[in-house]
Amino acid sequence: MDFQVWDFPGQLDYLDDTFDFDNIFGELGALIWVIDAQDEILDPLARLHSTIIALQRSYPQVNIEVFIHKVDGLSDEYKLDTQRDIMQRTQDELADAGYDNVQISYHLTSIYDHSIFEAFSKVIQKLLPQLGTLENLLNVLCSNSGIEKAFLFDVLSKIYIATDSSPVDVQSYEICSDFIDVIVDVSEIYGYDRKSDQAGTGQISPPVSPGEPPTDEPEQSPEVSSVIRLQNGMVLYLREINKFLALICLMRKESIERQGLVDYNVQIFQTALQRVFEIGGGGR
């Protein structure tokens, strides 16, 4: 998937006739509207309502995401009061304009925790046509490997593009995200340059069953993998899918005792994942 991000300053009136509305919003997948929770919200809300109404007239399929940002300096009660106020004002304004049941997602975000990454993860997942297939693959992997939670991360941004169907626990997501930072930092010190794939295909090695003798095929650079045992008895398992994606799993120590089975199942998952994106053939 190739994504483009267009960042518009808050004071820019792109609904003015001097701007090409269709060129800006014609191929839009999601609109992310950022509201400063520690500042005056009435003016940003008024412009948000005007934008939503304009989109509903021409491009109602666009996902509307509202980030209520800078909530780190607010109490939990005030955060929820601010979110309820924004939701109610937006709902009333759209109803007065004749637009009921507009689907809008609201996210409380801050740069001082992982909430901003989780919010962007949910935005990106809505734009992935393969999301349902990825979730099913992760469900099968978890059930066959004794994995309690699995995330498929974009390594550079720390956004998870898919996870299994079990509820996302914020603490689990945070520790998996921090795990990526550890791996990246260690790789910068002890990493090595990979030999480029001569065919340029980036193909994944076929899975090898536990105990199966090695083949005579040329040796390939193994994907990065890591296992960390936590003090609470849980285990973090990381496996590089390709240079962009990494699979991070949270499991009990009993499951990692059968690491050969886990590694094999992950190889099967890797191969299936490659086929999904080959069939999907890119995207917007």
Protein backbone atom coordinates (compact mmCIF):
# COMPACT_ATOMS: atom_id res chain seq x y z
CA MET A 1 0.00 0.00 0.00
CA ASP A 2 1.22 3.47 -0.90
CA PHE A 3 -0.05 6.31 1.28
CA GLN A 4 0.23 10.05 0.79
CA VAL A 5 -0.30 12.55 3.61
CA TRP A 6 -1.41 16.09 2.79
CA ASP A 7 -0.95 18.46 5.72
CA PHE A 8 -3.11 21.60 5.65
CA PRO A 9 -2.55 24.53 8.05
CA GLY A 10 -5.53 25.25 10.25
CA GLN A 11 -6.04 28.75 8.85
CA LEU A 12 -6.19 27.57 5.21
CA ASP A 13 -9.70 27.84 3.76
CA TYR A 14 -9.61 25.05 1.19
CA LEU A 15 -13.40 25.33 0.72
CA ASP A 16 -12.84 28.66 -0.98
CA ASP A 17 -13.44 28.76 -4.74
CA THR A 18 -9.75 29.49 -5.36
CA PHE A 19 -8.97 25.87 -4.39
CA ASP A 20 -9.87 22.80 -6.45
CA PHE A 21 -12.07 20.87 -4.02
CA ASP A 22 -12.30 17.79 -6.23
CA ASN A 23 -8.54 17.64 -6.71
CA ILE A 24 -7.97 17.79 -2.94
CA PHE A 25 -10.68 15.39 -1.79
CA GLY A 26 -11.44 13.33 -4.89
CA GLU A 27 -9.11 10.43 -4.06
CA LEU A 28 -9.07 10.93 -0.31
CA GLY A 29 -9.27 7.86 1.90
CA ALA A 30 -9.42 9.51 5.32
CA LEU A 31 -9.66 13.01 6.75
CA ILE A 32 -7.80 13.51 10.05
CA TRP A 33 -8.89 16.64 11.89
CA VAL A 34 -6.67 17.65 14.81
CA ILE A 35 -8.17 19.72 17.65
CA ASP A 36 -5.98 21.19 20.40
CA ALA A 37 -7.71 20.14 23.62
CA GLN A 38 -5.86 22.81 25.59
CA ASP A 39 -6.97 25.68 23.31
CA GLU A 40 -10.22 27.24 22.15
CA ILE A 41 -12.23 24.60 20.26
CA LEU A 42 -15.21 26.53 18.88
CA ASP A 43 -13.49 27.89 15.75
CA PRO A 44 -11.82 24.57 14.82
CA LEU A 45 -15.15 22.82 15.39
CA ALA A 46 -16.99 25.25 13.11
CA ARG A 47 -14.49 24.59 10.31
CA LEU A 48 -14.68 20.86 10.95
CA HIS A 49 -18.47 20.93 10.59
CA SER A 50 -18.23 22.88 7.32
CA THR A 51 -15.70 20.38 5.97
CA ILE A 52 -17.79 17.35 6.95
CA ILE A 53 -20.90 18.82 5.33
CA ALA A 54 -18.97 19.53 2.12
CA LEU A 55 -17.60 15.97 2.10
CA GLN A 56 -21.02 14.44 2.71
CA ARG A 57 -22.34 16.22 -0.37
CA SER A 58 -19.59 15.03 -2.72
CA TYR A 59 -17.52 12.25 -1.12
CA PRO A 60 -19.47 10.57 1.71
CA GLN A 61 -17.20 7.50 1.57
CA VAL A 62 -14.27 9.38 3.14
CA ASN A 63 -13.42 8.22 6.67
CA ILE A 64 -13.59 11.09 9.15
CA GLU A 65 -11.17 10.87 12.09
CA VAL A 66 -11.00 13.52 14.83
CA PHE A 67 -7.85 13.62 16.95
CA ILE A 68 -8.43 15.44 20.25
CA HIS A 69 -4.78 16.23 20.79
CA LYS A 70 -2.57 17.37 23.69
CA VAL A 71 -4.69 15.62 26.31
CA ASP A 72 -1.59 14.74 28.37
CA GLY A 73 -2.03 17.89 30.49
CA LEU A 74 -5.69 17.18 31.29
CA SER A 75 -7.29 15.09 34.00
CA ASP A 76 -9.09 11.91 32.97
CA GLU A 77 -12.45 13.45 33.78
CA TYR A 78 -11.73 16.60 31.77
CA LYS A 79 -10.54 14.51 28.80
CA LEU A 80 -13.85 12.66 28.66
CA ASP A 81 -15.85 15.86 29.17
CA THR A 82 -13.99 17.49 26.26
CA GLN A 83 -14.59 14.49 24.01
CA ARG A 84 -18.30 14.38 24.90
CA ASP A 85 -18.62 18.11 24.26
CA ILE A 86 -16.99 17.84 20.82
CA MET A 87 -19.09 14.80 19.89
CA GLN A 88 -22.35 16.44 20.98
CA ARG A 89 -21.66 19.74 19.22
CA THR A 90 -20.72 17.92 16.03
CA GLN A 91 -23.75 15.66 16.13
CA ASP A 92 -26.13 18.59 16.71
CA GLU A 93 -24.57 20.70 13.96
CA LEU A 94 -24.72 17.92 11.39
CA ALA A 95 -28.30 17.05 12.36
CA ASP A 96 -29.33 20.68 11.84
CA ALA A 97 -27.76 20.51 8.37
CA GLY A 98 -29.74 17.36 7.58
CA TYR A 99 -26.93 14.83 7.98
CA ASP A 100 -27.77 12.22 10.60
CA ASN A 101 -25.71 9.13 11.46
CA VAL A 102 -22.46 10.40 9.92
CA GLN A 103 -19.72 7.96 10.93
CA ILE A 104 -17.01 9.88 12.81
CA SER A 105 -14.24 8.34 14.93
CA TYR A 106 -12.79 10.25 17.86
CA HIS A 107 -9.34 9.63 19.38
CA LEU A 108 -7.70 11.10 22.49
CA THR A 109 -4.03 11.58 21.56
CA SER A 110 -0.74 12.84 22.91
CA ILE A 111 2.87 12.73 21.75
CA TYR A 112 3.99 11.79 25.27
CA ASP A 113 2.52 8.29 25.18
CA HIS A 114 1.57 5.71 22.56
CA SER A 115 -1.95 7.05 21.97
CA ILE A 116 -0.97 8.91 18.79
CA PHE A 117 0.51 5.73 17.28
CA GLU A 118 -2.55 3.69 18.22
CA ALA A 119 -4.87 6.30 16.70
CA PHE A 120 -2.93 6.33 13.42
CA SER A 121 -2.93 2.53 13.45
CA LYS A 122 -6.73 2.47 13.52
CA VAL A 123 -6.89 5.04 10.71
CA ILE A 124 -4.53 3.04 8.49
CA GLN A 125 -6.35 -0.24 9.15
CA LYS A 126 -9.59 1.19 7.76
CA LEU A 127 -7.78 1.93 4.49
CA LEU A 128 -6.41 -1.60 4.06
CA PRO A 129 -8.65 -3.75 1.82
CA GLN A 130 -6.76 -6.84 3.03
CA LEU A 131 -7.44 -6.13 6.73
CA GLY A 132 -9.99 -8.94 7.16
CA THR A 133 -7.64 -11.47 5.60
CA LEU A 134 -4.71 -10.32 7.74
CA GLU A 135 -6.82 -10.59 10.88
CA ASN A 136 -7.89 -14.13 9.98
CA LEU A 137 -4.28 -15.15 9.33
CA LEU A 138 -3.22 -13.77 12.71
CA ASN A 139 -6.11 -15.56 14.40
CA VAL A 140 -4.99 -18.88 12.90
CA LEU A 141 -1.38 -18.21 13.91
CA CYS A 142 -2.39 -17.40 17.49
CA SER A 143 -4.63 -20.43 17.90
CA ASN A 144 -2.02 -22.86 16.50
CA SER A 145 0.96 -21.43 18.39
CA GLY A 146 -0.37 -20.58 21.83
CA ILE A 147 -0.01 -16.83 21.19
CA GLU A 148 -2.13 -14.52 23.30
CA LYS A 149 -1.74 -11.36 21.19
CA ALA A 150 -0.10 -10.67 17.84
CA PHE A 151 0.63 -7.39 16.07
CA LEU A 152 1.88 -6.78 12.54
CA PHE A 153 3.94 -3.59 12.82
CA ASP A 154 5.30 -1.12 10.33
CA VAL A 155 8.78 -0.85 11.84
CA LEU A 156 9.62 2.73 10.88
CA SER A 157 6.40 4.35 12.09
CA LYS A 158 5.50 1.87 14.89
CA ILE A 159 1.97 1.71 13.49
CA TYR A 160 0.39 -1.73 13.63
CA ILE A 161 -1.43 -2.43 10.39
CA ALA A 162 -3.21 -5.52 11.71
CA THR A 163 -3.78 -7.53 14.85
CA ASP A 164 -5.80 -10.61 15.82
CA SER A 165 -9.45 -10.32 16.80
CA SER A 166 -8.88 -10.34 20.57
CA PRO A 167 -9.30 -6.92 22.27
CA VAL A 168 -6.28 -4.61 22.10
CA ASP A 169 -4.86 -3.96 25.56
CA VAL A 170 -3.05 -0.61 25.65
CA GLN A 171 -0.30 -1.96 27.88
CA SER A 172 0.37 -4.86 25.51
CA TYR A 173 0.57 -2.51 22.55
CA GLU A 174 2.93 -0.17 24.42
CA ILE A 175 5.36 -2.92 25.39
CA CYS A 176 5.38 -4.31 21.82
CA SER A 177 6.00 -0.82 20.45
CA ASP A 178 8.88 -0.30 22.89
CA PHE A 179 10.26 -3.68 21.81
CA ILE A 180 10.68 -2.27 18.29
CA ASP A 181 12.73 0.63 19.68
CA VAL A 182 15.02 -1.84 21.45
CA ILE A 183 15.52 -3.92 18.31
CA VAL A 184 16.16 -0.86 16.13
CA ASP A 185 18.72 0.53 18.61
CA VAL A 186 20.53 -2.79 18.88
CA SER A 187 20.47 -3.27 15.10
CA GLU A 188 22.16 0.07 14.58
CA ILE A 189 25.08 -1.18 16.67
CA TYR A 190 25.28 -4.86 15.74
CA GLY A 191 23.38 -4.97 12.44
CA TYR A 192 24.87 -5.84 9.08
CA ASP A 193 24.21 -4.96 5.47
CA ARG A 194 22.03 -7.53 3.74
CA LYS A 195 23.01 -8.86 0.35
CA SER A 196 20.50 -7.44 -2.10
CA ASP A 197 18.13 -9.90 -3.68
CA GLN A 198 19.49 -10.44 -7.19
CA ALA A 199 16.04 -10.98 -8.62
CA GLY A 200 14.69 -7.98 -6.76
CA THR A 201 11.65 -9.93 -5.64
CA GLY A 202 12.26 -10.05 -1.90
CA GLN A 203 10.82 -13.56 -1.82
CA ILE A 204 10.48 -15.37 1.47
CA SER A 205 12.23 -18.67 2.07
CA PRO A 206 9.82 -21.62 1.98
CA PRO A 207 8.90 -22.99 5.42
CA VAL A 208 10.87 -25.95 6.73
CA SER A 209 9.18 -28.38 9.09
CA PRO A 210 10.82 -28.88 12.51
CA GLY A 211 13.43 -31.63 12.19
CA GLU A 212 13.50 -31.52 8.40
CA PRO A 213 17.04 -31.64 6.97
CA PRO A 214 18.27 -28.49 5.20
CA THR A 215 18.10 -28.29 1.43
CA ASP A 216 20.99 -27.66 -0.97
CA GLU A 217 19.60 -24.26 -1.98
CA PRO A 218 21.91 -21.23 -1.60
CA GLU A 219 21.93 -19.85 1.92
CA GLN A 220 19.85 -16.71 2.44
CA SER A 221 20.23 -14.09 5.13
CA PRO A 222 17.88 -15.04 7.97
CA GLU A 223 15.17 -12.64 9.04
CA VAL A 224 15.80 -10.77 12.26
CA SER A 225 14.24 -12.51 15.26
CA SER A 226 14.31 -11.94 18.99
CA VAL A 227 12.79 -13.38 22.15
CA ILE A 228 12.55 -11.48 25.43
CA ARG A 229 11.31 -13.09 28.65
CA LEU A 230 9.49 -10.71 30.98
CA GLN A 231 9.45 -10.85 34.76
CA ASN A 232 5.72 -11.61 34.84
CA GLY A 233 6.24 -14.90 33.01
CA MET A 234 5.19 -13.61 29.59
CA VAL A 235 7.40 -13.73 26.50
CA LEU A 236 7.80 -11.24 23.65
CA TYR A 237 8.56 -12.83 20.29
CA LEU A 238 9.64 -10.74 17.31
CA ARG A 239 10.12 -11.95 13.75
CA GLU A 240 11.02 -9.77 10.79
CA ILE A 241 8.61 -10.26 7.89
CA ASN A 242 10.49 -8.00 5.50
CA LYS A 243 12.48 -4.79 5.84
CA PHE A 244 9.25 -2.85 6.48
CA LEU A 245 7.10 -5.21 8.56
CA ALA A 246 7.68 -7.12 11.79
CA LEU A 247 5.48 -9.59 13.63
CA ILE A 248 5.45 -9.17 17.42
CA CYS A 249 3.68 -11.72 19.60
CA LEU A 250 2.92 -11.85 23.29
CA MET A 251 2.73 -15.37 24.71
CA ARG A 252 3.21 -17.37 27.90
CA LYS A 253 6.54 -19.01 28.60
CA GLU A 254 5.02 -22.48 28.08
CA SER A 255 4.32 -21.63 24.43
CA ILE A 256 7.88 -20.54 23.63
CA GLU A 257 9.17 -23.88 24.93
CA ARG A 258 7.89 -25.20 21.59
CA GLN A 259 9.74 -22.52 19.65
CA GLY A 260 10.35 -24.82 16.70
CA LEU A 261 6.59 -25.08 16.18
CA VAL A 262 6.15 -21.33 16.62
CA ASP A 263 8.93 -20.60 14.09
CA TYR A 264 7.38 -22.99 11.58
CA ASN A 265 3.91 -21.48 11.96
CA VAL A 266 5.37 -17.99 11.54
CA GLN A 267 7.07 -19.08 8.31
CA ILE A 268 3.71 -20.33 7.04
CA PHE A 269 2.19 -16.99 8.04
CA GLN A 270 4.98 -15.15 6.21
CA THR A 271 4.35 -17.06 2.99
CA ALA A 272 0.60 -16.50 3.21
CA LEU A 273 1.14 -12.80 3.88
CA GLN A 274 3.28 -12.43 0.79
CA ARG A 275 0.59 -14.07 -1.33
CA VAL A 276 -2.08 -11.76 0.11
CA PHE A 277 -0.21 -8.65 -0.94
CA GLU A 278 0.75 -10.11 -4.31
CA ILE A 279 -2.91 -10.84 -5.08
CA GLY A 280 -3.99 -7.49 -3.66
CA GLY A 281 -1.55 -5.73 -5.97
CA GLY A 282 -0.78 -2.50 -4.13
CA GLY A 283 -3.55 0.05 -3.58
CA ARG A 284 -4.27 3.73 -3.15
